[in-house]
Amino acid sequence: MLKLNYIVKGSVRGKISNHKKLHSAITSLLRDRKECASLGNGSYSDAEIFVSVNNNNNNYYIPVYPIGEECEIDLENLPRNIQVEINKE
């Protein structure tokens, strides 16, 4: 059975949080960016959002959202019912 989860993880820090909805993962990503920036001294978030696909006990991580401090995300206009479609070809 195919199971999807949204994972917020950093290339250095590893897994930060796990979510069932993309909106929640984006909220976590934004919170992480804000908290890292508040540390000062040029600190920044290394977080990205991935879809974790578990198929027959094999995990695959697929990047689903662009990152970078210049990437602005408007949660007010982001649909809460975003779905990711996986083509199993």
PDB file of N, CA and C in Angstrom:
ATOM      1  N   MET A   1       0.843  -1.184   0.000  1.00  0.00           N
ATOM      2  CA  MET A   1       0.000   0.000   0.000  1.00  0.00           C
ATOM      3  C   MET A   1       0.889   1.248   0.000  1.00  0.00           C
ATOM      4  N   LEU A   2       0.488   2.243  -0.779  1.00  0.00           N
ATOM      5  CA  LEU A   2       1.242   3.481  -0.926  1.00  0.00           C
ATOM      6  C   LEU A   2       0.793   4.489   0.129  1.00  0.00           C
ATOM      7  N   LYS A   3       1.746   5.010   0.925  1.00  0.00           N
ATOM      8  CA  LYS A   3       1.437   6.004   1.952  1.00  0.00           C
ATOM      9  C   LYS A   3       2.265   7.250   1.699  1.00  0.00           C
ATOM     10  N   LEU A   4       1.633   8.434   1.791  1.00  0.00           N
ATOM     11  CA  LEU A   4       2.322   9.698   1.583  1.00  0.00           C
ATOM     12  C   LEU A   4       2.331  10.514   2.866  1.00  0.00           C
ATOM     13  N   ASN A   5       3.459  11.142   3.153  1.00  0.00           N
ATOM     14  CA  ASN A   5       3.589  12.103   4.244  1.00  0.00           C
ATOM     15  C   ASN A   5       4.456  13.235   3.743  1.00  0.00           C
ATOM     16  N   TYR A   6       4.271  14.406   4.308  1.00  0.00           N
ATOM     17  CA  TYR A   6       5.110  15.549   3.980  1.00  0.00           C
ATOM     18  C   TYR A   6       6.153  15.691   5.080  1.00  0.00           C
ATOM     19  N   ILE A   7       7.410  15.731   4.680  1.00  0.00           N
ATOM     20  CA  ILE A   7       8.515  15.787   5.624  1.00  0.00           C
ATOM     21  C   ILE A   7       9.241  17.111   5.440  1.00  0.00           C
ATOM     22  N   VAL A   8       9.500  17.792   6.553  1.00  0.00           N
ATOM     23  CA  VAL A   8      10.366  18.968   6.535  1.00  0.00           C
ATOM     24  C   VAL A   8      11.695  18.492   7.076  1.00  0.00           C
ATOM     25  N   LYS A   9      12.739  18.592   6.244  1.00  0.00           N
ATOM     26  CA  LYS A   9      14.050  18.140   6.708  1.00  0.00           C
ATOM     27  C   LYS A   9      15.139  19.008   6.114  1.00  0.00           C
ATOM     28  N   GLY A  10      16.241  19.070   6.845  1.00  0.00           N
ATOM     29  CA  GLY A  10      17.378  19.863   6.416  1.00  0.00           C
ATOM     30  C   GLY A  10      18.530  18.978   5.984  1.00  0.00           C
ATOM     31  N   SER A  11      19.336  19.490   5.088  1.00  0.00           N
ATOM     32  CA  SER A  11      20.470  18.715   4.598  1.00  0.00           C
ATOM     33  C   SER A  11      21.513  18.483   5.690  1.00  0.00           C
ATOM     34  N   VAL A  12      21.568  19.383   6.665  1.00  0.00           N
ATOM     35  CA  VAL A  12      22.527  19.250   7.764  1.00  0.00           C
ATOM     36  C   VAL A  12      21.852  18.668   9.007  1.00  0.00           C
ATOM     37  N   ARG A  13      20.671  19.196   9.357  1.00  0.00           N
ATOM     38  CA  ARG A  13      20.019  18.805  10.608  1.00  0.00           C
ATOM     39  C   ARG A  13      19.163  17.561  10.513  1.00  0.00           C
ATOM     40  N   GLY A  14      18.826  17.140   9.311  1.00  0.00           N
ATOM     41  CA  GLY A  14      17.971  15.965   9.156  1.00  0.00           C
ATOM     42  C   GLY A  14      16.501  16.316   9.355  1.00  0.00           C
ATOM     43  N   LYS A  15      15.704  15.324   9.731  1.00  0.00           N
ATOM     44  CA  LYS A  15      14.254  15.483   9.847  1.00  0.00           C
ATOM     45  C   LYS A  15      13.885  16.488  10.933  1.00  0.00           C
ATOM     46  N   ILE A  16      13.031  17.444  10.551  1.00  0.00           N
ATOM     47  CA  ILE A  16      12.570  18.475  11.465  1.00  0.00           C
ATOM     48  C   ILE A  16      11.145  18.187  11.909  1.00  0.00           C
ATOM     49  N   SER A  17      10.273  17.836  10.946  1.00  0.00           N
ATOM     50  CA  SER A  17       8.885  17.531  11.292  1.00  0.00           C
ATOM     51  C   SER A  17       8.235  16.676  10.213  1.00  0.00           C
ATOM     52  N   ASN A  18       7.111  16.062  10.569  1.00  0.00           N
ATOM     53  CA  ASN A  18       6.372  15.149   9.719  1.00  0.00           C
ATOM     54  C   ASN A  18       4.908  15.596   9.687  1.00  0.00           C
ATOM     55  N   HIS A  19       4.287  15.645   8.489  1.00  0.00           N
ATOM     56  CA  HIS A  19       2.923  16.178   8.378  1.00  0.00           C
ATOM     57  C   HIS A  19       2.092  15.364   7.396  1.00  0.00           C
ATOM     58  N   LYS A  20       0.796  15.376   7.605  1.00  0.00           N
ATOM     59  CA  LYS A  20      -0.119  14.725   6.678  1.00  0.00           C
ATOM     60  C   LYS A  20      -0.598  15.684   5.591  1.00  0.00           C
ATOM     61  N   LYS A  21      -0.464  17.005   5.824  1.00  0.00           N
ATOM     62  CA  LYS A  21      -0.930  18.004   4.864  1.00  0.00           C
ATOM     63  C   LYS A  21       0.213  18.942   4.481  1.00  0.00           C
ATOM     64  N   LEU A  22       0.251  19.327   3.199  1.00  0.00           N
ATOM     65  CA  LEU A  22       1.278  20.223   2.704  1.00  0.00           C
ATOM     66  C   LEU A  22       1.222  21.575   3.396  1.00  0.00           C
ATOM     67  N   HIS A  23       0.014  22.073   3.656  1.00  0.00           N
ATOM     68  CA  HIS A  23      -0.144  23.366   4.327  1.00  0.00           C
ATOM     69  C   HIS A  23       0.575  23.362   5.678  1.00  0.00           C
ATOM     70  N   SER A  24       0.450  22.270   6.415  1.00  0.00           N
ATOM     71  CA  SER A  24       1.116  22.156   7.721  1.00  0.00           C
ATOM     72  C   SER A  24       2.634  22.110   7.566  1.00  0.00           C
ATOM     73  N   ALA A  25       3.106  21.425   6.528  1.00  0.00           N
ATOM     74  CA  ALA A  25       4.548  21.358   6.286  1.00  0.00           C
ATOM     75  C   ALA A  25       5.102  22.737   5.938  1.00  0.00           C
ATOM     76  N   ILE A  26       4.355  23.505   5.140  1.00  0.00           N
ATOM     77  CA  ILE A  26       4.801  24.854   4.785  1.00  0.00           C
ATOM     78  C   ILE A  26       4.826  25.744   6.018  1.00  0.00           C
ATOM     79  N   THR A  27       3.830  25.611   6.877  1.00  0.00           N
ATOM     80  CA  THR A  27       3.810  26.374   8.129  1.00  0.00           C
ATOM     81  C   THR A  27       5.037  26.044   8.965  1.00  0.00           C
ATOM     82  N   SER A  28       5.400  24.770   9.046  1.00  0.00           N
ATOM     83  CA  SER A  28       6.587  24.348   9.785  1.00  0.00           C
ATOM     84  C   SER A  28       7.855  24.923   9.156  1.00  0.00           C
ATOM     85  N   LEU A  29       7.928  24.906   7.825  1.00  0.00           N
ATOM     86  CA  LEU A  29       9.080  25.455   7.120  1.00  0.00           C
ATOM     87  C   LEU A  29       9.247  26.941   7.421  1.00  0.00           C
ATOM     88  N   LEU A  30       8.154  27.679   7.385  1.00  0.00           N
ATOM     89  CA  LEU A  30       8.211  29.114   7.667  1.00  0.00           C
ATOM     90  C   LEU A  30       8.634  29.388   9.102  1.00  0.00           C
ATOM     91  N   ARG A  31       8.121  28.593  10.038  1.00  0.00           N
ATOM     92  CA  ARG A  31       8.501  28.748  11.446  1.00  0.00           C
ATOM     93  C   ARG A  31       9.995  28.471  11.629  1.00  0.00           C
ATOM     94  N   ASP A  32      10.489  27.431  10.949  1.00  0.00           N
ATOM     95  CA  ASP A  32      11.906  27.096  11.044  1.00  0.00           C
ATOM     96  C   ASP A  32      12.769  28.220  10.483  1.00  0.00           C
ATOM     97  N   ARG A  33      12.373  28.799   9.350  1.00  0.00           N
ATOM     98  CA  ARG A  33      13.117  29.921   8.770  1.00  0.00           C
ATOM     99  C   ARG A  33      13.188  31.094   9.742  1.00  0.00           C
ATOM    100  N   LYS A  34      12.041  31.402  10.355  1.00  0.00           N
ATOM    101  CA  LYS A  34      11.978  32.532  11.286  1.00  0.00           C
ATOM    102  C   LYS A  34      12.861  32.277  12.510  1.00  0.00           C
ATOM    103  N   GLU A  35      12.782  31.069  13.066  1.00  0.00           N
ATOM    104  CA  GLU A  35      13.578  30.741  14.251  1.00  0.00           C
ATOM    105  C   GLU A  35      15.076  30.745  13.942  1.00  0.00           C
ATOM    106  N   CYS A  36      15.455  30.219  12.795  1.00  0.00           N
ATOM    107  CA  CYS A  36      16.878  30.216  12.431  1.00  0.00           C
ATOM    108  C   CYS A  36      17.391  31.638  12.218  1.00  0.00           C
ATOM    109  N   ALA A  37      16.597  32.475  11.538  1.00  0.00           N
ATOM    110  CA  ALA A  37      17.006  33.861  11.295  1.00  0.00           C
ATOM    111  C   ALA A  37      17.147  34.634  12.598  1.00  0.00           C
ATOM    112  N   SER A  38      16.336  34.295  13.602  1.00  0.00           N
ATOM    113  CA  SER A  38      16.385  35.012  14.880  1.00  0.00           C
ATOM    114  C   SER A  38      17.668  34.723  15.663  1.00  0.00           C
ATOM    115  N   LEU A  39      18.411  33.686  15.277  1.00  0.00           N
ATOM    116  CA  LEU A  39      19.673  33.364  15.946  1.00  0.00           C
ATOM    117  C   LEU A  39      20.768  34.372  15.618  1.00  0.00           C
ATOM    118  N   GLY A  40      20.580  35.104  14.506  1.00  0.00           N
ATOM    119  CA  GLY A  40      21.568  36.110  14.121  1.00  0.00           C
ATOM    120  C   GLY A  40      22.823  35.505  13.528  1.00  0.00           C
ATOM    121  N   ASN A  41      23.842  36.329  13.365  1.00  0.00           N
ATOM    122  CA  ASN A  41      25.141  35.908  12.832  1.00  0.00           C
ATOM    123  C   ASN A  41      25.034  35.186  11.485  1.00  0.00           C
ATOM    124  N   GLY A  42      24.053  35.568  10.665  1.00  0.00           N
ATOM    125  CA  GLY A  42      23.908  34.959   9.344  1.00  0.00           C
ATOM    126  C   GLY A  42      23.282  33.578   9.343  1.00  0.00           C
ATOM    127  N   SER A  43      22.695  33.164  10.469  1.00  0.00           N
ATOM    128  CA  SER A  43      22.066  31.841  10.528  1.00  0.00           C
ATOM    129  C   SER A  43      20.869  31.784   9.584  1.00  0.00           C
ATOM    130  N   TYR A  44      20.682  30.632   8.961  1.00  0.00           N
ATOM    131  CA  TYR A  44      19.552  30.446   8.056  1.00  0.00           C
ATOM    132  C   TYR A  44      19.078  28.994   8.121  1.00  0.00           C
ATOM    133  N   SER A  45      17.879  28.769   7.656  1.00  0.00           N
ATOM    134  CA  SER A  45      17.276  27.442   7.661  1.00  0.00           C
ATOM    135  C   SER A  45      17.785  26.624   6.482  1.00  0.00           C
ATOM    136  N   ASP A  46      18.093  25.361   6.727  1.00  0.00           N
ATOM    137  CA  ASP A  46      18.469  24.450   5.647  1.00  0.00           C
ATOM    138  C   ASP A  46      17.297  23.552   5.259  1.00  0.00           C
ATOM    139  N   ALA A  47      16.090  23.895   5.710  1.00  0.00           N
ATOM    140  CA  ALA A  47      14.919  23.029   5.552  1.00  0.00           C
ATOM    141  C   ALA A  47      14.360  23.041   4.136  1.00  0.00           C
ATOM    142  N   GLU A  48      13.868  21.883   3.728  1.00  0.00           N
ATOM    143  CA  GLU A  48      13.137  21.685   2.487  1.00  0.00           C
ATOM    144  C   GLU A  48      11.919  20.829   2.802  1.00  0.00           C
ATOM    145  N   ILE A  49      10.946  20.840   1.898  1.00  0.00           N
ATOM    146  CA  ILE A  49       9.775  19.986   2.049  1.00  0.00           C
ATOM    147  C   ILE A  49       9.859  18.864   1.023  1.00  0.00           C
ATOM    148  N   PHE A  50       9.628  17.661   1.500  1.00  0.00           N
ATOM    149  CA  PHE A  50       9.633  16.468   0.664  1.00  0.00           C
ATOM    150  C   PHE A  50       8.324  15.709   0.853  1.00  0.00           C
ATOM    151  N   VAL A  51       7.934  14.956  -0.159  1.00  0.00           N
ATOM    152  CA  VAL A  51       6.886  13.955   0.025  1.00  0.00           C
ATOM    153  C   VAL A  51       7.619  12.664   0.328  1.00  0.00           C
ATOM    154  N   SER A  52       7.235  12.042   1.418  1.00  0.00           N
ATOM    155  CA  SER A  52       7.782  10.738   1.756  1.00  0.00           C
ATOM    156  C   SER A  52       6.795   9.697   1.238  1.00  0.00           C
ATOM    157  N   VAL A  53       7.250   8.888   0.305  1.00  0.00           N
ATOM    158  CA  VAL A  53       6.412   7.847  -0.270  1.00  0.00           C
ATOM    159  C   VAL A  53       6.895   6.515   0.277  1.00  0.00           C
ATOM    160  N   ASN A  54       6.008   5.807   0.967  1.00  0.00           N
ATOM    161  CA  ASN A  54       6.351   4.497   1.498  1.00  0.00           C
ATOM    162  C   ASN A  54       5.604   3.467   0.659  1.00  0.00           C
ATOM    163  N   ASN A  55       6.354   2.703  -0.093  1.00  0.00           N
ATOM    164  CA  ASN A  55       5.774   1.678  -0.946  1.00  0.00           C
ATOM    165  C   ASN A  55       6.424   0.345  -0.608  1.00  0.00           C
ATOM    166  N   ASN A  56       5.655  -0.538  -0.013  1.00  0.00           N
ATOM    167  CA  ASN A  56       6.159  -1.860   0.372  1.00  0.00           C
ATOM    168  C   ASN A  56       7.417  -1.764   1.233  1.00  0.00           C
ATOM    169  N   ASN A  57       7.359  -0.916   2.242  1.00  0.00           N
ATOM    170  CA  ASN A  57       8.439  -0.715   3.205  1.00  0.00           C
ATOM    171  C   ASN A  57       9.704  -0.079   2.614  1.00  0.00           C
ATOM    172  N   ASN A  58       9.617   0.514   1.431  1.00  0.00           N
ATOM    173  CA  ASN A  58      10.723   1.277   0.844  1.00  0.00           C
ATOM    174  C   ASN A  58      10.338   2.747   0.898  1.00  0.00           C
ATOM    175  N   ASN A  59      11.182   3.577   1.505  1.00  0.00           N
ATOM    176  CA  ASN A  59      10.907   5.010   1.594  1.00  0.00           C
ATOM    177  C   ASN A  59      11.617   5.767   0.491  1.00  0.00           C
ATOM    178  N   TYR A  60      10.884   6.682  -0.140  1.00  0.00           N
ATOM    179  CA  TYR A  60      11.435   7.558  -1.166  1.00  0.00           C
ATOM    180  C   TYR A  60      11.098   8.989  -0.775  1.00  0.00           C
ATOM    181  N   TYR A  61      12.049   9.910  -0.916  1.00  0.00           N
ATOM    182  CA  TYR A  61      11.824  11.313  -0.589  1.00  0.00           C
ATOM    183  C   TYR A  61      11.880  12.131  -1.875  1.00  0.00           C
ATOM    184  N   ILE A  62      10.791  12.794  -2.191  1.00  0.00           N
ATOM    185  CA  ILE A  62      10.684  13.581  -3.415  1.00  0.00           C
ATOM    186  C   ILE A  62      10.520  15.042  -3.031  1.00  0.00           C
ATOM    187  N   PRO A  63      11.434  15.929  -3.458  1.00  0.00           N
ATOM    188  CA  PRO A  63      11.285  17.356  -3.120  1.00  0.00           C
ATOM    189  C   PRO A  63      10.024  17.914  -3.777  1.00  0.00           C
ATOM    190  N   VAL A  64       9.249  18.684  -3.005  1.00  0.00           N
ATOM    191  CA  VAL A  64       7.986  19.200  -3.546  1.00  0.00           C
ATOM    192  C   VAL A  64       7.848  20.704  -3.464  1.00  0.00           C
ATOM    193  N   TYR A  65       8.788  21.387  -2.827  1.00  0.00           N
ATOM    194  CA  TYR A  65       8.619  22.828  -2.694  1.00  0.00           C
ATOM    195  C   TYR A  65       9.958  23.524  -2.791  1.00  0.00           C
ATOM    196  N   PRO A  66      10.054  24.591  -3.604  1.00  0.00           N
ATOM    197  CA  PRO A  66      11.332  25.299  -3.719  1.00  0.00           C
ATOM    198  C   PRO A  66      11.714  25.947  -2.396  1.00  0.00           C
ATOM    199  N   ILE A  67      13.000  26.036  -2.154  1.00  0.00           N
ATOM    200  CA  ILE A  67      13.460  26.675  -0.926  1.00  0.00           C
ATOM    201  C   ILE A  67      14.346  27.850  -1.274  1.00  0.00           C
ATOM    202  N   GLY A  68      14.860  28.470  -0.267  1.00  0.00           N
ATOM    203  CA  GLY A  68      15.724  29.629  -0.414  1.00  0.00           C
ATOM    204  C   GLY A  68      15.096  30.795   0.326  1.00  0.00           C
ATOM    205  N   GLU A  69      15.917  31.577   0.946  1.00  0.00           N
ATOM    206  CA  GLU A  69      15.400  32.694   1.734  1.00  0.00           C
ATOM    207  C   GLU A  69      14.644  33.692   0.865  1.00  0.00           C
ATOM    208  N   GLU A  70      14.943  33.732  -0.450  1.00  0.00           N
ATOM    209  CA  GLU A  70      14.256  34.666  -1.330  1.00  0.00           C
ATOM    210  C   GLU A  70      12.876  34.156  -1.755  1.00  0.00           C
ATOM    211  N   CYS A  71      12.571  32.910  -1.468  1.00  0.00           N
ATOM    212  CA  CYS A  71      11.293  32.315  -1.846  1.00  0.00           C
ATOM    213  C   CYS A  71      10.231  32.698  -0.815  1.00  0.00           C
ATOM    214  N   GLU A  72       9.283  33.531  -1.226  1.00  0.00           N
ATOM    215  CA  GLU A  72       8.226  33.958  -0.313  1.00  0.00           C
ATOM    216  C   GLU A  72       7.010  33.057  -0.474  1.00  0.00           C
ATOM    217  N   ILE A  73       6.393  32.714   0.633  1.00  0.00           N
ATOM    218  CA  ILE A  73       5.221  31.846   0.629  1.00  0.00           C
ATOM    219  C   ILE A  73       4.061  32.602   1.262  1.00  0.00           C
ATOM    220  N   ASP A  74       2.976  32.722   0.529  1.00  0.00           N
ATOM    221  CA  ASP A  74       1.789  33.428   1.020  1.00  0.00           C
ATOM    222  C   ASP A  74       0.764  32.404   1.486  1.00  0.00           C
ATOM    223  N   LEU A  75       0.760  32.105   2.801  1.00  0.00           N
ATOM    224  CA  LEU A  75      -0.166  31.107   3.333  1.00  0.00           C
ATOM    225  C   LEU A  75      -1.627  31.532   3.214  1.00  0.00           C
ATOM    226  N   GLU A  76      -1.891  32.833   3.183  1.00  0.00           N
ATOM    227  CA  GLU A  76      -3.271  33.297   3.088  1.00  0.00           C
ATOM    228  C   GLU A  76      -3.910  32.878   1.772  1.00  0.00           C
ATOM    229  N   ASN A  77      -3.111  32.786   0.708  1.00  0.00           N
ATOM    230  CA  ASN A  77      -3.646  32.444  -0.610  1.00  0.00           C
ATOM    231  C   ASN A  77      -3.307  31.029  -1.047  1.00  0.00           C
ATOM    232  N   LEU A  78      -2.742  30.239  -0.150  1.00  0.00           N
ATOM    233  CA  LEU A  78      -2.394  28.868  -0.473  1.00  0.00           C
ATOM    234  C   LEU A  78      -3.580  27.960  -0.160  1.00  0.00           C
ATOM    235  N   PRO A  79      -4.057  27.201  -1.139  1.00  0.00           N
ATOM    236  CA  PRO A  79      -5.177  26.289  -0.862  1.00  0.00           C
ATOM    237  C   PRO A  79      -4.795  25.274   0.206  1.00  0.00           C
ATOM    238  N   ARG A  80      -5.718  24.952   1.079  1.00  0.00           N
ATOM    239  CA  ARG A  80      -5.442  23.983   2.139  1.00  0.00           C
ATOM    240  C   ARG A  80      -5.642  22.545   1.681  1.00  0.00           C
ATOM    241  N   ASN A  81      -6.203  22.361   0.508  1.00  0.00           N
ATOM    242  CA  ASN A  81      -6.501  21.000   0.049  1.00  0.00           C
ATOM    243  C   ASN A  81      -5.602  20.577  -1.110  1.00  0.00           C
ATOM    244  N   ILE A  82      -4.347  21.014  -1.082  1.00  0.00           N
ATOM    245  CA  ILE A  82      -3.389  20.635  -2.133  1.00  0.00           C
ATOM    246  C   ILE A  82      -3.149  19.132  -2.050  1.00  0.00           C
ATOM    247  N   GLN A  83      -3.127  18.496  -3.206  1.00  0.00           N
ATOM    248  CA  GLN A  83      -2.852  17.075  -3.248  1.00  0.00           C
ATOM    249  C   GLN A  83      -1.720  16.810  -4.215  1.00  0.00           C
ATOM    250  N   VAL A  84      -0.924  15.805  -3.919  1.00  0.00           N
ATOM    251  CA  VAL A  84       0.183  15.397  -4.786  1.00  0.00           C
ATOM    252  C   VAL A  84      -0.219  14.103  -5.460  1.00  0.00           C
ATOM    253  N   GLU A  85      -0.075  14.072  -6.764  1.00  0.00           N
ATOM    254  CA  GLU A  85      -0.414  12.870  -7.499  1.00  0.00           C
ATOM    255  C   GLU A  85       0.871  12.167  -7.922  1.00  0.00           C
ATOM    256  N   ILE A  86       0.969  10.895  -7.633  1.00  0.00           N
ATOM    257  CA  ILE A  86       2.135  10.110  -7.976  1.00  0.00           C
ATOM    258  C   ILE A  86       1.758   9.170  -9.133  1.00  0.00           C
ATOM    259  N   ASN A  87       2.486   9.265 -10.222  1.00  0.00           N
ATOM    260  CA  ASN A  87       2.272   8.379 -11.346  1.00  0.00           C
ATOM    261  C   ASN A  87       3.162   7.160 -11.141  1.00  0.00           C
ATOM    262  N   LYS A  88       2.585   5.983 -11.013  1.00  0.00           N
ATOM    263  CA  LYS A  88       3.344   4.779 -10.663  1.00  0.00           C
ATOM    264  C   LYS A  88       3.867   4.029 -11.895  1.00  0.00           C
ATOM    265  N   GLU A  89       4.049   4.722 -13.018  1.00  0.00           N
ATOM    266  CA  GLU A  89       4.589   4.049 -14.219  1.00  0.00           C
ATOM    267  C   GLU A  89       6.045   3.713 -14.045  1.00  0.00           C
TER     268      GLU A  89
END
